[in-house]
N, C-alpha and C. Protein backbone atom coordinates (compact mmCIF):
# COMPACT_ATOMS: atom_id res chain seq x y z
N UNK A 1 -136.66 -8.37 158.42
CA UNK A 1 -137.94 -8.30 157.70
C UNK A 1 -137.72 -8.45 156.19
N UNK A 2 -136.65 -7.87 155.67
CA UNK A 2 -136.41 -7.96 154.23
C UNK A 2 -136.22 -9.41 153.81
N UNK A 3 -135.54 -10.18 154.66
CA UNK A 3 -135.33 -11.60 154.35
C UNK A 3 -136.65 -12.34 154.32
N UNK A 4 -137.53 -12.03 155.29
CA UNK A 4 -138.84 -12.68 155.34
C UNK A 4 -139.65 -12.35 154.09
N UNK A 5 -139.63 -11.10 153.69
CA UNK A 5 -140.36 -10.69 152.49
C UNK A 5 -139.82 -11.41 151.26
N UNK A 6 -138.50 -11.53 151.17
CA UNK A 6 -137.89 -12.22 150.03
C UNK A 6 -138.32 -13.67 149.98
N UNK A 7 -138.34 -14.33 151.14
CA UNK A 7 -138.76 -15.73 151.21
C UNK A 7 -140.22 -15.86 150.78
N UNK A 8 -141.07 -14.95 151.26
CA UNK A 8 -142.49 -14.99 150.90
C UNK A 8 -142.67 -14.85 149.39
N UNK A 9 -141.95 -13.92 148.79
CA UNK A 9 -142.06 -13.70 147.35
C UNK A 9 -141.65 -14.96 146.59
N UNK A 10 -140.55 -15.57 147.01
CA UNK A 10 -140.08 -16.79 146.33
C UNK A 10 -141.10 -17.90 146.46
N UNK A 11 -141.67 -18.07 147.67
CA UNK A 11 -142.66 -19.13 147.88
C UNK A 11 -143.88 -18.89 147.01
N UNK A 12 -144.34 -17.66 146.94
CA UNK A 12 -145.52 -17.35 146.13
C UNK A 12 -145.26 -17.65 144.66
N UNK A 13 -144.10 -17.25 144.17
CA UNK A 13 -143.77 -17.49 142.76
C UNK A 13 -143.74 -18.98 142.47
N UNK A 14 -143.10 -19.75 143.34
CA UNK A 14 -142.99 -21.19 143.13
C UNK A 14 -144.37 -21.84 143.17
N UNK A 15 -145.19 -21.45 144.13
CA UNK A 15 -146.52 -22.05 144.25
C UNK A 15 -147.38 -21.71 143.04
N UNK A 16 -147.36 -20.47 142.63
CA UNK A 16 -148.19 -20.05 141.49
C UNK A 16 -147.74 -20.74 140.21
N UNK A 17 -146.43 -20.83 140.01
CA UNK A 17 -145.92 -21.45 138.78
C UNK A 17 -146.22 -22.94 138.77
N UNK A 18 -146.08 -23.59 139.92
CA UNK A 18 -146.25 -25.04 139.97
C UNK A 18 -147.72 -25.45 140.08
N UNK A 19 -148.51 -24.67 140.83
CA UNK A 19 -149.89 -25.07 141.09
C UNK A 19 -150.91 -24.32 140.27
N UNK A 20 -150.56 -23.16 139.78
CA UNK A 20 -151.50 -22.39 138.99
C UNK A 20 -152.39 -21.52 139.86
N UNK A 21 -153.48 -21.03 139.27
CA UNK A 21 -154.34 -20.07 139.96
C UNK A 21 -155.06 -20.69 141.15
N UNK A 22 -155.28 -22.00 141.10
CA UNK A 22 -156.03 -22.63 142.18
C UNK A 22 -155.29 -22.55 143.52
N UNK A 23 -153.96 -22.48 143.44
CA UNK A 23 -153.16 -22.45 144.67
C UNK A 23 -152.88 -21.02 145.12
N UNK A 24 -153.38 -20.03 144.37
CA UNK A 24 -153.09 -18.64 144.71
C UNK A 24 -153.63 -18.29 146.09
N UNK A 25 -154.82 -18.79 146.41
CA UNK A 25 -155.41 -18.50 147.71
C UNK A 25 -154.56 -19.09 148.83
N UNK A 26 -154.09 -20.31 148.63
CA UNK A 26 -153.25 -20.95 149.63
C UNK A 26 -151.95 -20.18 149.81
N UNK A 27 -151.39 -19.67 148.72
CA UNK A 27 -150.14 -18.94 148.79
C UNK A 27 -150.34 -17.63 149.56
N UNK A 28 -151.51 -17.01 149.39
CA UNK A 28 -151.80 -15.77 150.12
C UNK A 28 -151.88 -16.05 151.61
N UNK A 29 -152.55 -17.14 151.96
CA UNK A 29 -152.65 -17.52 153.37
C UNK A 29 -151.27 -17.80 153.94
N UNK A 30 -150.45 -18.49 153.15
CA UNK A 30 -149.09 -18.80 153.60
C UNK A 30 -148.29 -17.52 153.79
N UNK A 31 -148.48 -16.56 152.89
CA UNK A 31 -147.78 -15.28 153.02
C UNK A 31 -148.17 -14.58 154.32
N UNK A 32 -149.45 -14.54 154.60
CA UNK A 32 -149.92 -13.88 155.82
C UNK A 32 -149.34 -14.57 157.04
N UNK A 33 -149.31 -15.90 157.02
CA UNK A 33 -148.77 -16.67 158.15
C UNK A 33 -147.28 -16.35 158.34
N UNK A 34 -146.53 -16.35 157.25
CA UNK A 34 -145.09 -16.09 157.33
C UNK A 34 -144.84 -14.66 157.81
N UNK A 35 -145.66 -13.73 157.35
CA UNK A 35 -145.48 -12.34 157.77
C UNK A 35 -145.75 -12.20 159.27
N UNK A 36 -146.80 -12.89 159.75
CA UNK A 36 -147.11 -12.84 161.18
C UNK A 36 -145.98 -13.44 162.00
N UNK A 37 -145.42 -14.54 161.51
CA UNK A 37 -144.30 -15.18 162.21
C UNK A 37 -143.09 -14.25 162.21
N UNK A 38 -142.88 -13.57 161.07
CA UNK A 38 -141.74 -12.67 160.95
C UNK A 38 -141.87 -11.47 161.89
N UNK A 39 -143.11 -11.03 162.10
CA UNK A 39 -143.32 -9.89 162.99
C UNK A 39 -143.16 -10.32 164.43
């Protein structure tokens, strides 16, 4: 689980930095998806 959380954090940071606030919603959805897959 710790590895999954680390990956999610990295993905969110990259998406927010590269895409800005408009991609924040997509990153949240991606986080939820990855967390569900991890569980």
